[in-house]
N, C-alpha and C. Protein backbone atom coordinates (compact mmCIF):
# COMPACT_ATOMS: atom_id res chain seq x y z
N UNK A 1 50.44 101.20 81.07
CA UNK A 1 49.46 100.50 81.87
C UNK A 1 50.07 100.22 83.23
N UNK A 2 49.34 100.57 84.28
CA UNK A 2 49.81 100.28 85.63
C UNK A 2 49.12 99.02 86.16
N UNK A 3 49.43 98.66 87.39
CA UNK A 3 48.92 97.41 87.96
C UNK A 3 47.39 97.41 88.03
N UNK A 4 46.79 98.52 88.42
CA UNK A 4 45.34 98.61 88.52
C UNK A 4 44.69 98.42 87.15
N UNK A 5 45.25 99.06 86.13
CA UNK A 5 44.72 98.91 84.77
C UNK A 5 44.86 97.47 84.29
N UNK A 6 45.98 96.85 84.61
CA UNK A 6 46.21 95.45 84.22
C UNK A 6 45.18 94.54 84.87
N UNK A 7 44.93 94.73 86.15
CA UNK A 7 43.96 93.91 86.88
C UNK A 7 42.57 94.06 86.27
N UNK A 8 42.17 95.28 85.96
CA UNK A 8 40.85 95.51 85.36
C UNK A 8 40.75 94.84 84.00
N UNK A 9 41.77 94.99 83.18
CA UNK A 9 41.76 94.41 81.84
C UNK A 9 41.71 92.89 81.88
N UNK A 10 42.54 92.28 82.72
CA UNK A 10 42.56 90.82 82.83
C UNK A 10 41.25 90.29 83.39
N UNK A 11 40.69 90.97 84.38
CA UNK A 11 39.43 90.50 84.97
C UNK A 11 38.30 90.53 83.94
N UNK A 12 38.29 91.56 83.08
CA UNK A 12 37.27 91.62 82.02
C UNK A 12 37.45 90.50 81.00
N UNK A 13 38.69 90.27 80.59
CA UNK A 13 38.96 89.25 79.57
C UNK A 13 38.74 87.83 80.10
N UNK A 14 39.05 87.61 81.38
CA UNK A 14 38.95 86.27 81.95
C UNK A 14 37.59 85.99 82.59
N UNK A 15 36.78 87.03 82.74
CA UNK A 15 35.48 86.84 83.38
C UNK A 15 35.59 86.59 84.87
N UNK A 16 36.62 87.15 85.48
CA UNK A 16 36.84 86.99 86.92
C UNK A 16 36.53 88.30 87.62
N UNK A 17 36.38 88.23 88.94
CA UNK A 17 36.19 89.45 89.70
C UNK A 17 37.53 90.17 89.80
N UNK A 18 37.46 91.45 90.06
CA UNK A 18 38.68 92.24 90.22
C UNK A 18 39.47 91.72 91.42
N UNK A 19 38.77 91.33 92.48
CA UNK A 19 39.44 90.82 93.68
C UNK A 19 40.20 89.53 93.38
N UNK A 20 39.56 88.60 92.66
CA UNK A 20 40.22 87.34 92.31
C UNK A 20 41.42 87.58 91.40
N UNK A 21 41.26 88.49 90.47
CA UNK A 21 42.36 88.80 89.55
C UNK A 21 43.53 89.43 90.29
N UNK A 22 43.23 90.31 91.24
CA UNK A 22 44.29 90.95 92.04
C UNK A 22 45.03 89.90 92.87
N UNK A 23 44.28 88.95 93.44
CA UNK A 23 44.91 87.87 94.22
C UNK A 23 45.82 87.03 93.33
N UNK A 24 45.34 86.72 92.12
CA UNK A 24 46.15 85.95 91.18
C UNK A 24 47.43 86.70 90.82
N UNK A 25 47.29 87.98 90.48
CA UNK A 25 48.47 88.77 90.07
C UNK A 25 49.48 88.87 91.20
N UNK A 26 49.00 89.11 92.43
CA UNK A 26 49.91 89.17 93.58
C UNK A 26 50.61 87.84 93.80
N UNK A 27 49.89 86.73 93.64
CA UNK A 27 50.49 85.40 93.80
C UNK A 27 51.53 85.16 92.70
N UNK A 28 51.21 85.58 91.48
CA UNK A 28 52.16 85.42 90.37
C UNK A 28 53.44 86.21 90.65
N UNK A 29 53.30 87.44 91.11
CA UNK A 29 54.47 88.29 91.38
C UNK A 29 55.33 87.67 92.48
N UNK A 30 54.70 87.23 93.56
CA UNK A 30 55.46 86.60 94.67
C UNK A 30 56.16 85.34 94.20
N UNK A 31 55.49 84.53 93.39
CA UNK A 31 56.10 83.30 92.86
C UNK A 31 57.27 83.63 91.95
N UNK A 32 57.10 84.63 91.10
CA UNK A 32 58.18 85.05 90.19
C UNK A 32 59.38 85.56 90.99
N UNK A 33 59.13 86.36 92.02
CA UNK A 33 60.23 86.86 92.86
C UNK A 33 60.98 85.71 93.53
N UNK A 34 60.25 84.76 94.06
CA UNK A 34 60.88 83.62 94.75
C UNK A 34 61.68 82.77 93.75
N UNK A 35 61.10 82.53 92.58
CA UNK A 35 61.77 81.72 91.56
C UNK A 35 63.04 82.40 91.07
N UNK A 36 62.96 83.68 90.76
CA UNK A 36 64.13 84.41 90.26
C UNK A 36 65.19 84.58 91.34
N UNK A 37 64.79 84.69 92.60
CA UNK A 37 65.78 84.80 93.67
C UNK A 37 66.60 83.52 93.82
N UNK A 38 66.04 82.38 93.35
CA UNK A 38 66.77 81.11 93.34
C UNK A 38 67.58 80.94 92.05
N UNK A 39 67.61 82.00 91.22
CA UNK A 39 68.32 82.00 89.93
C UNK A 39 67.72 81.00 88.94
N UNK A 40 66.43 80.74 89.06
CA UNK A 40 65.73 79.86 88.12
C UNK A 40 64.99 80.73 87.10
N UNK A 41 64.89 80.24 85.87
CA UNK A 41 64.20 80.97 84.82
C UNK A 41 62.70 80.74 84.89
N UNK A 42 61.95 81.71 84.37
CA UNK A 42 60.51 81.58 84.20
C UNK A 42 60.26 81.66 82.69
N UNK A 43 59.76 80.57 82.12
CA UNK A 43 59.55 80.49 80.67
C UNK A 43 58.05 80.46 80.40
N UNK A 44 57.55 81.48 79.71
CA UNK A 44 56.16 81.54 79.30
C UNK A 44 56.15 81.45 77.78
N UNK A 45 55.91 80.27 77.26
CA UNK A 45 56.02 80.00 75.82
C UNK A 45 55.15 80.98 75.04
N UNK A 46 55.74 81.60 74.03
CA UNK A 46 55.05 82.58 73.21
C UNK A 46 55.14 83.99 73.74
N UNK A 47 55.28 84.13 75.06
CA UNK A 47 55.38 85.46 75.67
C UNK A 47 56.83 85.85 75.88
N UNK A 48 57.57 85.03 76.62
CA UNK A 48 58.98 85.33 76.84
C UNK A 48 59.56 84.61 78.04
N UNK A 49 60.81 84.93 78.33
CA UNK A 49 61.55 84.28 79.41
C UNK A 49 62.15 85.33 80.33
N UNK A 50 61.92 85.15 81.63
CA UNK A 50 62.57 85.98 82.65
C UNK A 50 63.74 85.17 83.18
N UNK A 51 64.91 85.79 83.27
CA UNK A 51 66.08 85.09 83.80
C UNK A 51 66.95 86.07 84.58
N UNK A 52 67.84 85.50 85.38
CA UNK A 52 68.77 86.30 86.17
C UNK A 52 70.13 86.28 85.47
N UNK A 53 70.69 87.45 85.27
CA UNK A 53 72.02 87.55 84.66
C UNK A 53 72.98 88.18 85.67
N UNK A 54 74.24 87.84 85.50
CA UNK A 54 75.25 88.39 86.39
C UNK A 54 76.11 89.39 85.63
N UNK A 55 76.30 90.53 86.23
CA UNK A 55 77.17 91.55 85.65
C UNK A 55 78.49 91.51 86.41
N UNK A 56 79.58 91.46 85.69
CA UNK A 56 80.88 91.40 86.36
C UNK A 56 81.28 92.80 86.83
N UNK A 57 82.22 92.84 87.74
CA UNK A 57 82.73 94.12 88.23
C UNK A 57 83.46 94.82 87.09
N UNK A 58 83.39 96.15 87.11
CA UNK A 58 84.05 96.90 86.04
C UNK A 58 84.42 98.28 86.55
N UNK A 59 85.19 98.95 85.76
CA UNK A 59 85.54 100.33 86.08
C UNK A 59 84.55 101.26 85.39
N UNK A 60 84.06 102.24 86.13
CA UNK A 60 83.13 103.22 85.58
C UNK A 60 83.71 104.62 85.79
N UNK A 61 82.94 105.61 85.43
CA UNK A 61 83.40 106.98 85.58
C UNK A 61 82.31 107.83 86.20
N UNK A 62 82.69 108.62 87.21
CA UNK A 62 81.79 109.60 87.79
C UNK A 62 81.78 110.80 86.85
N UNK A 63 80.66 111.04 86.20
CA UNK A 63 80.61 112.09 85.19
C UNK A 63 80.74 113.49 85.76
N UNK A 64 80.39 113.68 87.02
CA UNK A 64 80.52 115.00 87.64
C UNK A 64 81.97 115.36 87.91
N UNK A 65 82.72 114.38 88.44
CA UNK A 65 84.11 114.67 88.82
C UNK A 65 85.12 114.17 87.80
N UNK A 66 84.72 113.23 86.95
CA UNK A 66 85.64 112.66 85.97
C UNK A 66 86.53 111.56 86.53
N UNK A 67 86.37 111.24 87.81
CA UNK A 67 87.20 110.21 88.43
C UNK A 67 86.68 108.82 88.10
N UNK A 68 87.60 107.86 88.01
CA UNK A 68 87.22 106.47 87.79
C UNK A 68 86.75 105.88 89.11
N UNK A 69 85.71 105.06 89.02
CA UNK A 69 85.19 104.37 90.19
C UNK A 69 84.99 102.91 89.85
N UNK A 70 85.07 102.07 90.87
CA UNK A 70 84.87 100.64 90.65
C UNK A 70 83.38 100.34 90.86
N UNK A 71 82.77 99.74 89.84
CA UNK A 71 81.37 99.33 89.92
C UNK A 71 81.38 97.86 90.30
N UNK A 72 80.78 97.50 91.45
CA UNK A 72 80.84 96.11 91.90
C UNK A 72 79.99 95.18 91.03
N UNK A 73 80.29 93.91 91.12
CA UNK A 73 79.51 92.90 90.40
C UNK A 73 78.08 92.92 90.95
N UNK A 74 77.12 92.61 90.09
CA UNK A 74 75.73 92.60 90.52
C UNK A 74 74.93 91.60 89.69
N UNK A 75 73.71 91.38 90.13
CA UNK A 75 72.79 90.51 89.40
C UNK A 75 71.61 91.35 88.96
N UNK A 76 71.04 90.98 87.83
CA UNK A 76 69.92 91.72 87.27
C UNK A 76 68.93 90.76 86.64
N UNK A 77 67.68 91.18 86.55
CA UNK A 77 66.65 90.37 85.89
C UNK A 77 66.57 90.81 84.43
N UNK A 78 66.53 89.83 83.55
CA UNK A 78 66.48 90.08 82.11
C UNK A 78 65.21 89.46 81.57
N UNK A 79 64.58 90.14 80.61
CA UNK A 79 63.40 89.60 79.94
C UNK A 79 63.72 89.48 78.46
N UNK A 80 63.51 88.28 77.93
CA UNK A 80 63.72 88.04 76.50
C UNK A 80 62.36 87.68 75.91
N UNK A 81 61.81 88.54 75.05
CA UNK A 81 60.49 88.26 74.49
C UNK A 81 60.49 87.03 73.59
N UNK A 82 59.37 86.32 73.59
CA UNK A 82 59.20 85.15 72.73
C UNK A 82 58.82 85.58 71.31
N UNK A 83 58.82 84.63 70.40
CA UNK A 83 58.55 84.92 68.99
C UNK A 83 57.18 85.55 68.79
N UNK A 84 56.16 85.01 69.44
CA UNK A 84 54.80 85.54 69.28
C UNK A 84 54.73 87.00 69.70
N UNK A 85 55.32 87.32 70.84
CA UNK A 85 55.31 88.71 71.33
C UNK A 85 56.11 89.61 70.40
N UNK A 86 57.27 89.14 69.94
CA UNK A 86 58.08 89.93 69.01
C UNK A 86 57.29 90.25 67.75
N UNK A 87 56.58 89.25 67.22
CA UNK A 87 55.80 89.44 65.99
C UNK A 87 54.65 90.43 66.19
N UNK A 88 54.03 90.39 67.37
CA UNK A 88 52.92 91.32 67.67
C UNK A 88 53.41 92.77 67.77
N UNK A 89 54.61 92.95 68.29
CA UNK A 89 55.14 94.29 68.49
C UNK A 89 55.63 94.91 67.19
N UNK A 90 56.06 94.06 66.24
CA UNK A 90 56.55 94.58 64.96
C UNK A 90 55.49 95.38 64.35
């Protein structure tokens, strides 16, 4: 499902216009980006939790040349599904 499909599906289920649903989804995405950039978690009970994790620096390998390379430390967004979502997917 892509963003357009998601907007159509949510608008049908919520009884909203496609335009209003698109505005809501864009606002949600911007809010999530801002919240996660501050390293704060987003907890949606039953659905899951978005959080920022830190990866430490490590040694990696260039598979083409076989040489070792240093992979710098980085941050990544992690999603941990909630119990309700886990049960639905089973």
